[in-house]
């Protein structure tokens, strides 16, 4: 855990968020290639879009503060 300006951060969550953001970027990139009728791009697109929102919801729920929930 890193302590920055009084906040406790979990490195694994930060790394997971980085990869989730990279997957969003890749998903938008591959979507353009998919429109060119590339069958491999379609497979990548379907795979990434099957879990990326779920990943964001899990990460957001894990790092949400108690006072933000009320």
PDB file of N, CA and C in Angstrom:
ATOM      1  N   UNK A   1       0.839  -1.185   0.000  1.00  0.00           N
ATOM      2  CA  UNK A   1       0.000   0.000   0.000  1.00  0.00           C
ATOM      3  C   UNK A   1       0.879   1.242   0.000  1.00  0.00           C
ATOM      4  N   UNK A   2       0.523   2.193  -0.785  1.00  0.00           N
ATOM      5  CA  UNK A   2       1.206   3.483  -0.796  1.00  0.00           C
ATOM      6  C   UNK A   2       0.390   4.481   0.000  1.00  0.00           C
ATOM      7  N   UNK A   3       1.082   5.357   0.694  1.00  0.00           N
ATOM      8  CA  UNK A   3       0.390   6.424   1.422  1.00  0.00           C
ATOM      9  C   UNK A   3       0.802   7.739   0.759  1.00  0.00           C
ATOM     10  N   UNK A   4      -0.169   8.391   0.136  1.00  0.00           N
ATOM     11  CA  UNK A   4       0.069   9.660  -0.539  1.00  0.00           C
ATOM     12  C   UNK A   4      -0.884  10.699   0.037  1.00  0.00           C
ATOM     13  N   UNK A   5      -0.357  11.717   0.606  1.00  0.00           N
ATOM     14  CA  UNK A   5      -1.139  12.825   1.151  1.00  0.00           C
ATOM     15  C   UNK A   5      -2.310  12.359   2.023  1.00  0.00           C
ATOM     16  N   UNK A   6      -2.045  11.386   2.886  1.00  0.00           N
ATOM     17  CA  UNK A   6      -3.069  10.936   3.814  1.00  0.00           C
ATOM     18  C   UNK A   6      -4.035   9.915   3.253  1.00  0.00           C
ATOM     19  N   UNK A   7      -3.896   9.514   1.994  1.00  0.00           N
ATOM     20  CA  UNK A   7      -4.786   8.524   1.397  1.00  0.00           C
ATOM     21  C   UNK A   7      -4.071   7.193   1.291  1.00  0.00           C
ATOM     22  N   UNK A   8      -4.759   6.134   1.620  1.00  0.00           N
ATOM     23  CA  UNK A   8      -4.199   4.793   1.479  1.00  0.00           C
ATOM     24  C   UNK A   8      -4.638   4.259   0.123  1.00  0.00           C
ATOM     25  N   UNK A   9      -3.658   3.868  -0.682  1.00  0.00           N
ATOM     26  CA  UNK A   9      -3.953   3.367  -2.023  1.00  0.00           C
ATOM     27  C   UNK A   9      -3.503   1.923  -2.115  1.00  0.00           C
ATOM     28  N   UNK A  10      -4.261   1.121  -2.822  1.00  0.00           N
ATOM     29  CA  UNK A  10      -3.916  -0.279  -3.029  1.00  0.00           C
ATOM     30  C   UNK A  10      -3.374  -0.392  -4.451  1.00  0.00           C
ATOM     31  N   UNK A  11      -2.124  -0.775  -4.564  1.00  0.00           N
ATOM     32  CA  UNK A  11      -1.444  -0.808  -5.850  1.00  0.00           C
ATOM     33  C   UNK A  11      -2.138  -1.747  -6.842  1.00  0.00           C
ATOM     34  N   UNK A  12      -2.617  -2.877  -6.382  1.00  0.00           N
ATOM     35  CA  UNK A  12      -3.271  -3.830  -7.276  1.00  0.00           C
ATOM     36  C   UNK A  12      -4.520  -3.228  -7.921  1.00  0.00           C
ATOM     37  N   UNK A  13      -5.270  -2.434  -7.161  1.00  0.00           N
ATOM     38  CA  UNK A  13      -6.467  -1.782  -7.714  1.00  0.00           C
ATOM     39  C   UNK A  13      -6.066  -0.746  -8.755  1.00  0.00           C
ATOM     40  N   UNK A  14      -5.018   0.016  -8.474  1.00  0.00           N
ATOM     41  CA  UNK A  14      -4.548   1.013  -9.438  1.00  0.00           C
ATOM     42  C   UNK A  14      -4.071   0.357 -10.732  1.00  0.00           C
ATOM     43  N   UNK A  15      -3.386  -0.766 -10.618  1.00  0.00           N
ATOM     44  CA  UNK A  15      -2.920  -1.485 -11.808  1.00  0.00           C
ATOM     45  C   UNK A  15      -4.118  -2.032 -12.584  1.00  0.00           C
ATOM     46  N   UNK A  16      -5.103  -2.577 -11.884  1.00  0.00           N
ATOM     47  CA  UNK A  16      -6.302  -3.090 -12.547  1.00  0.00           C
ATOM     48  C   UNK A  16      -7.046  -1.971 -13.265  1.00  0.00           C
ATOM     49  N   UNK A  17      -7.106  -0.798 -12.659  1.00  0.00           N
ATOM     50  CA  UNK A  17      -7.766   0.337 -13.303  1.00  0.00           C
ATOM     51  C   UNK A  17      -7.016   0.766 -14.561  1.00  0.00           C
ATOM     52  N   UNK A  18      -5.672   0.719 -14.504  1.00  0.00           N
ATOM     53  CA  UNK A  18      -4.880   1.043 -15.685  1.00  0.00           C
ATOM     54  C   UNK A  18      -5.192   0.079 -16.829  1.00  0.00           C
ATOM     55  N   UNK A  19      -5.210  -1.227 -16.524  1.00  0.00           N
ATOM     56  CA  UNK A  19      -5.508  -2.206 -17.570  1.00  0.00           C
ATOM     57  C   UNK A  19      -6.938  -2.056 -18.082  1.00  0.00           C
ATOM     58  N   UNK A  20      -7.865  -1.709 -17.219  1.00  0.00           N
ATOM     59  CA  UNK A  20      -9.245  -1.488 -17.655  1.00  0.00           C
ATOM     60  C   UNK A  20      -9.324  -0.304 -18.609  1.00  0.00           C
ATOM     61  N   UNK A  21      -8.598   0.767 -18.301  1.00  0.00           N
ATOM     62  CA  UNK A  21      -8.581   1.922 -19.210  1.00  0.00           C
ATOM     63  C   UNK A  21      -7.934   1.558 -20.539  1.00  0.00           C
ATOM     64  N   UNK A  22      -6.870   0.757 -20.497  1.00  0.00           N
ATOM     65  CA  UNK A  22      -6.214   0.320 -21.728  1.00  0.00           C
ATOM     66  C   UNK A  22      -7.159  -0.545 -22.559  1.00  0.00           C
ATOM     67  N   UNK A  23      -7.960  -1.386 -21.906  1.00  0.00           N
ATOM     68  CA  UNK A  23      -8.919  -2.210 -22.634  1.00  0.00           C
ATOM     69  C   UNK A  23     -10.017  -1.366 -23.276  1.00  0.00           C
ATOM     70  N   UNK A  24     -10.430  -0.308 -22.613  1.00  0.00           N
ATOM     71  CA  UNK A  24     -11.425   0.593 -23.209  1.00  0.00           C
ATOM     72  C   UNK A  24     -10.852   1.233 -24.476  1.00  0.00           C
ATOM     73  N   UNK A  25      -9.617   1.695 -24.378  1.00  0.00           N
ATOM     74  CA  UNK A  25      -8.958   2.290 -25.555  1.00  0.00           C
ATOM     75  C   UNK A  25      -8.850   1.258 -26.672  1.00  0.00           C
ATOM     76  N   UNK A  26      -8.399   0.054 -26.336  1.00  0.00           N
ATOM     77  CA  UNK A  26      -8.258  -1.001 -27.337  1.00  0.00           C
ATOM     78  C   UNK A  26      -9.617  -1.370 -27.923  1.00  0.00           C
ATOM     79  N   UNK A  27     -10.647  -1.396 -27.094  1.00  0.00           N
ATOM     80  CA  UNK A  27     -11.991  -1.709 -27.585  1.00  0.00           C
ATOM     81  C   UNK A  27     -12.485  -0.701 -28.601  1.00  0.00           C
ATOM     82  N   UNK A  28     -12.234   0.576 -28.351  1.00  0.00           N
ATOM     83  CA  UNK A  28     -12.644   1.597 -29.318  1.00  0.00           C
ATOM     84  C   UNK A  28     -11.808   1.519 -30.588  1.00  0.00           C
ATOM     85  N   UNK A  29     -10.527   1.192 -30.432  1.00  0.00           N
ATOM     86  CA  UNK A  29      -9.654   1.036 -31.588  1.00  0.00           C
ATOM     87  C   UNK A  29     -10.090  -0.155 -32.442  1.00  0.00           C
ATOM     88  N   UNK A  30     -10.332  -1.283 -31.812  1.00  0.00           N
ATOM     89  CA  UNK A  30     -10.689  -2.500 -32.547  1.00  0.00           C
ATOM     90  C   UNK A  30     -12.080  -2.381 -33.164  1.00  0.00           C
ATOM     91  N   UNK A  31     -12.919  -1.528 -32.580  1.00  0.00           N
ATOM     92  CA  UNK A  31     -14.253  -1.312 -33.144  1.00  0.00           C
ATOM     93  C   UNK A  31     -14.155  -0.713 -34.544  1.00  0.00           C
ATOM     94  N   UNK A  32     -13.212   0.183 -34.737  1.00  0.00           N
ATOM     95  CA  UNK A  32     -13.008   0.782 -36.069  1.00  0.00           C
ATOM     96  C   UNK A  32     -12.538  -0.256 -37.075  1.00  0.00           C
ATOM     97  N   UNK A  33     -11.662  -1.147 -36.638  1.00  0.00           N
ATOM     98  CA  UNK A  33     -11.170  -2.191 -37.532  1.00  0.00           C
ATOM     99  C   UNK A  33     -12.275  -3.197 -37.821  1.00  0.00           C
ATOM    100  N   UNK A  34     -13.127  -3.447 -36.833  1.00  0.00           N
ATOM    101  CA  UNK A  34     -14.245  -4.371 -37.014  1.00  0.00           C
ATOM    102  C   UNK A  34     -15.181  -3.889 -38.115  1.00  0.00           C
ATOM    103  N   UNK A  35     -15.332  -2.585 -38.228  1.00  0.00           N
ATOM    104  CA  UNK A  35     -16.213  -2.028 -39.253  1.00  0.00           C
ATOM    105  C   UNK A  35     -15.687  -2.282 -40.669  1.00  0.00           C
ATOM    106  N   UNK A  36     -14.430  -2.691 -40.776  1.00  0.00           N
ATOM    107  CA  UNK A  36     -13.845  -3.032 -42.074  1.00  0.00           C
ATOM    108  C   UNK A  36     -14.035  -4.508 -42.390  1.00  0.00           C
ATOM    109  N   UNK A  37     -14.912  -5.159 -41.642  1.00  0.00           N
ATOM    110  CA  UNK A  37     -15.272  -6.572 -41.842  1.00  0.00           C
ATOM    111  C   UNK A  37     -14.114  -7.531 -41.561  1.00  0.00           C
ATOM    112  N   UNK A  38     -13.320  -7.227 -40.555  1.00  0.00           N
ATOM    113  CA  UNK A  38     -12.222  -8.097 -40.158  1.00  0.00           C
ATOM    114  C   UNK A  38     -12.747  -9.091 -39.112  1.00  0.00           C
ATOM    115  N   UNK A  39     -12.727 -10.405 -39.414  1.00  0.00           N
ATOM    116  CA  UNK A  39     -13.301 -11.388 -38.474  1.00  0.00           C
ATOM    117  C   UNK A  39     -12.533 -11.491 -37.152  1.00  0.00           C
ATOM    118  N   UNK A  40     -11.238 -11.290 -37.165  1.00  0.00           N
ATOM    119  CA  UNK A  40     -10.462 -11.322 -35.919  1.00  0.00           C
ATOM    120  C   UNK A  40     -10.839 -10.148 -35.028  1.00  0.00           C
ATOM    121  N   UNK A  41     -11.048  -8.996 -35.632  1.00  0.00           N
ATOM    122  CA  UNK A  41     -11.442  -7.815 -34.864  1.00  0.00           C
ATOM    123  C   UNK A  41     -12.811  -8.013 -34.222  1.00  0.00           C
ATOM    124  N   UNK A  42     -13.688  -8.702 -34.906  1.00  0.00           N
ATOM    125  CA  UNK A  42     -15.018  -8.978 -34.342  1.00  0.00           C
ATOM    126  C   UNK A  42     -14.895  -9.829 -33.083  1.00  0.00           C
ATOM    127  N   UNK A  43     -14.019 -10.830 -33.123  1.00  0.00           N
ATOM    128  CA  UNK A  43     -13.808 -11.685 -31.959  1.00  0.00           C
ATOM    129  C   UNK A  43     -13.235 -10.889 -30.790  1.00  0.00           C
ATOM    130  N   UNK A  44     -12.245 -10.058 -31.058  1.00  0.00           N
ATOM    131  CA  UNK A  44     -11.661  -9.220 -30.009  1.00  0.00           C
ATOM    132  C   UNK A  44     -12.711  -8.277 -29.431  1.00  0.00           C
ATOM    133  N   UNK A  45     -13.482  -7.664 -30.290  1.00  0.00           N
ATOM    134  CA  UNK A  45     -14.524  -6.723 -29.877  1.00  0.00           C
ATOM    135  C   UNK A  45     -15.527  -7.399 -28.937  1.00  0.00           C
ATOM    136  N   UNK A  46     -16.011  -8.570 -29.339  1.00  0.00           N
ATOM    137  CA  UNK A  46     -16.992  -9.271 -28.515  1.00  0.00           C
ATOM    138  C   UNK A  46     -16.407  -9.675 -27.171  1.00  0.00           C
ATOM    139  N   UNK A  47     -15.150 -10.104 -27.165  1.00  0.00           N
ATOM    140  CA  UNK A  47     -14.512 -10.519 -25.926  1.00  0.00           C
ATOM    141  C   UNK A  47     -14.356  -9.348 -24.959  1.00  0.00           C
ATOM    142  N   UNK A  48     -13.824  -8.236 -25.432  1.00  0.00           N
ATOM    143  CA  UNK A  48     -13.576  -7.079 -24.572  1.00  0.00           C
ATOM    144  C   UNK A  48     -14.881  -6.475 -24.063  1.00  0.00           C
ATOM    145  N   UNK A  49     -15.869  -6.354 -24.944  1.00  0.00           N
ATOM    146  CA  UNK A  49     -17.123  -5.745 -24.532  1.00  0.00           C
ATOM    147  C   UNK A  49     -17.962  -6.660 -23.648  1.00  0.00           C
ATOM    148  N   UNK A  50     -17.555  -7.937 -23.504  1.00  0.00           N
ATOM    149  CA  UNK A  50     -18.311  -8.845 -22.648  1.00  0.00           C
ATOM    150  C   UNK A  50     -18.025  -8.623 -21.171  1.00  0.00           C
ATOM    151  N   UNK A  51     -16.903  -7.978 -20.818  1.00  0.00           N
ATOM    152  CA  UNK A  51     -16.582  -7.848 -19.397  1.00  0.00           C
ATOM    153  C   UNK A  51     -16.084  -6.474 -18.972  1.00  0.00           C
ATOM    154  N   UNK A  52     -15.853  -5.556 -19.876  1.00  0.00           N
ATOM    155  CA  UNK A  52     -15.215  -4.309 -19.466  1.00  0.00           C
ATOM    156  C   UNK A  52     -16.084  -3.472 -18.525  1.00  0.00           C
ATOM    157  N   UNK A  53     -17.370  -3.403 -18.753  1.00  0.00           N
ATOM    158  CA  UNK A  53     -18.232  -2.635 -17.844  1.00  0.00           C
ATOM    159  C   UNK A  53     -18.340  -3.307 -16.481  1.00  0.00           C
ATOM    160  N   UNK A  54     -18.399  -4.610 -16.472  1.00  0.00           N
ATOM    161  CA  UNK A  54     -18.429  -5.326 -15.201  1.00  0.00           C
ATOM    162  C   UNK A  54     -17.159  -5.051 -14.404  1.00  0.00           C
ATOM    163  N   UNK A  55     -16.026  -5.028 -15.077  1.00  0.00           N
ATOM    164  CA  UNK A  55     -14.760  -4.721 -14.414  1.00  0.00           C
ATOM    165  C   UNK A  55     -14.786  -3.325 -13.802  1.00  0.00           C
ATOM    166  N   UNK A  56     -15.301  -2.350 -14.545  1.00  0.00           N
ATOM    167  CA  UNK A  56     -15.385  -0.990 -14.010  1.00  0.00           C
ATOM    168  C   UNK A  56     -16.320  -0.909 -12.807  1.00  0.00           C
ATOM    169  N   UNK A  57     -17.461  -1.589 -12.857  1.00  0.00           N
ATOM    170  CA  UNK A  57     -18.389  -1.566 -11.727  1.00  0.00           C
ATOM    171  C   UNK A  57     -17.761  -2.194 -10.488  1.00  0.00           C
ATOM    172  N   UNK A  58     -17.066  -3.289 -10.665  1.00  0.00           N
ATOM    173  CA  UNK A  58     -16.416  -3.945  -9.523  1.00  0.00           C
ATOM    174  C   UNK A  58     -15.348  -3.043  -8.926  1.00  0.00           C
ATOM    175  N   UNK A  59     -14.504  -2.459  -9.776  1.00  0.00           N
ATOM    176  CA  UNK A  59     -13.444  -1.591  -9.273  1.00  0.00           C
ATOM    177  C   UNK A  59     -14.005  -0.339  -8.615  1.00  0.00           C
ATOM    178  N   UNK A  60     -15.033   0.241  -9.198  1.00  0.00           N
ATOM    179  CA  UNK A  60     -15.635   1.445  -8.624  1.00  0.00           C
ATOM    180  C   UNK A  60     -16.281   1.137  -7.277  1.00  0.00           C
ATOM    181  N   UNK A  61     -16.933  -0.002  -7.165  1.00  0.00           N
ATOM    182  CA  UNK A  61     -17.546  -0.383  -5.899  1.00  0.00           C
ATOM    183  C   UNK A  61     -16.520  -0.679  -4.819  1.00  0.00           C
ATOM    184  N   UNK A  62     -15.386  -1.207  -5.234  1.00  0.00           N
ATOM    185  CA  UNK A  62     -14.350  -1.547  -4.269  1.00  0.00           C
ATOM    186  C   UNK A  62     -13.684  -0.309  -3.691  1.00  0.00           C
ATOM    187  N   UNK A  63     -13.524   0.714  -4.498  1.00  0.00           N
ATOM    188  CA  UNK A  63     -12.827   1.913  -4.029  1.00  0.00           C
ATOM    189  C   UNK A  63     -13.767   3.022  -3.574  1.00  0.00           C
ATOM    190  N   UNK A  64     -15.082   2.782  -3.646  1.00  0.00           N
ATOM    191  CA  UNK A  64     -16.035   3.804  -3.207  1.00  0.00           C
ATOM    192  C   UNK A  64     -15.918   4.021  -1.700  1.00  0.00           C
ATOM    193  N   UNK A  65     -16.012   5.251  -1.313  1.00  0.00           N
ATOM    194  CA  UNK A  65     -15.940   5.573   0.121  1.00  0.00           C
ATOM    195  C   UNK A  65     -17.317   5.433   0.751  1.00  0.00           C
ATOM    196  N   UNK A  66     -17.328   5.135   2.022  1.00  0.00           N
ATOM    197  CA  UNK A  66     -18.583   4.950   2.753  1.00  0.00           C
ATOM    198  C   UNK A  66     -19.432   6.216   2.699  1.00  0.00           C
ATOM    199  N   UNK A  67     -18.830   7.379   2.839  1.00  0.00           N
ATOM    200  CA  UNK A  67     -19.611   8.626   2.852  1.00  0.00           C
ATOM    201  C   UNK A  67     -20.203   8.955   1.490  1.00  0.00           C
ATOM    202  N   UNK A  68     -19.641   8.419   0.400  1.00  0.00           N
ATOM    203  CA  UNK A  68     -20.192   8.644  -0.941  1.00  0.00           C
ATOM    204  C   UNK A  68     -21.419   7.779  -1.206  1.00  0.00           C
ATOM    205  N   UNK A  69     -21.607   6.744  -0.453  1.00  0.00           N
ATOM    206  CA  UNK A  69     -22.718   5.808  -0.682  1.00  0.00           C
ATOM    207  C   UNK A  69     -24.046   6.324  -0.149  1.00  0.00           C
ATOM    208  N   UNK A  70     -24.019   7.239   0.751  1.00  0.00           N
ATOM    209  CA  UNK A  70     -25.261   7.736   1.374  1.00  0.00           C
ATOM    210  C   UNK A  70     -25.876   8.843   0.579  1.00  0.00           C
TER     211      UNK A  70
END
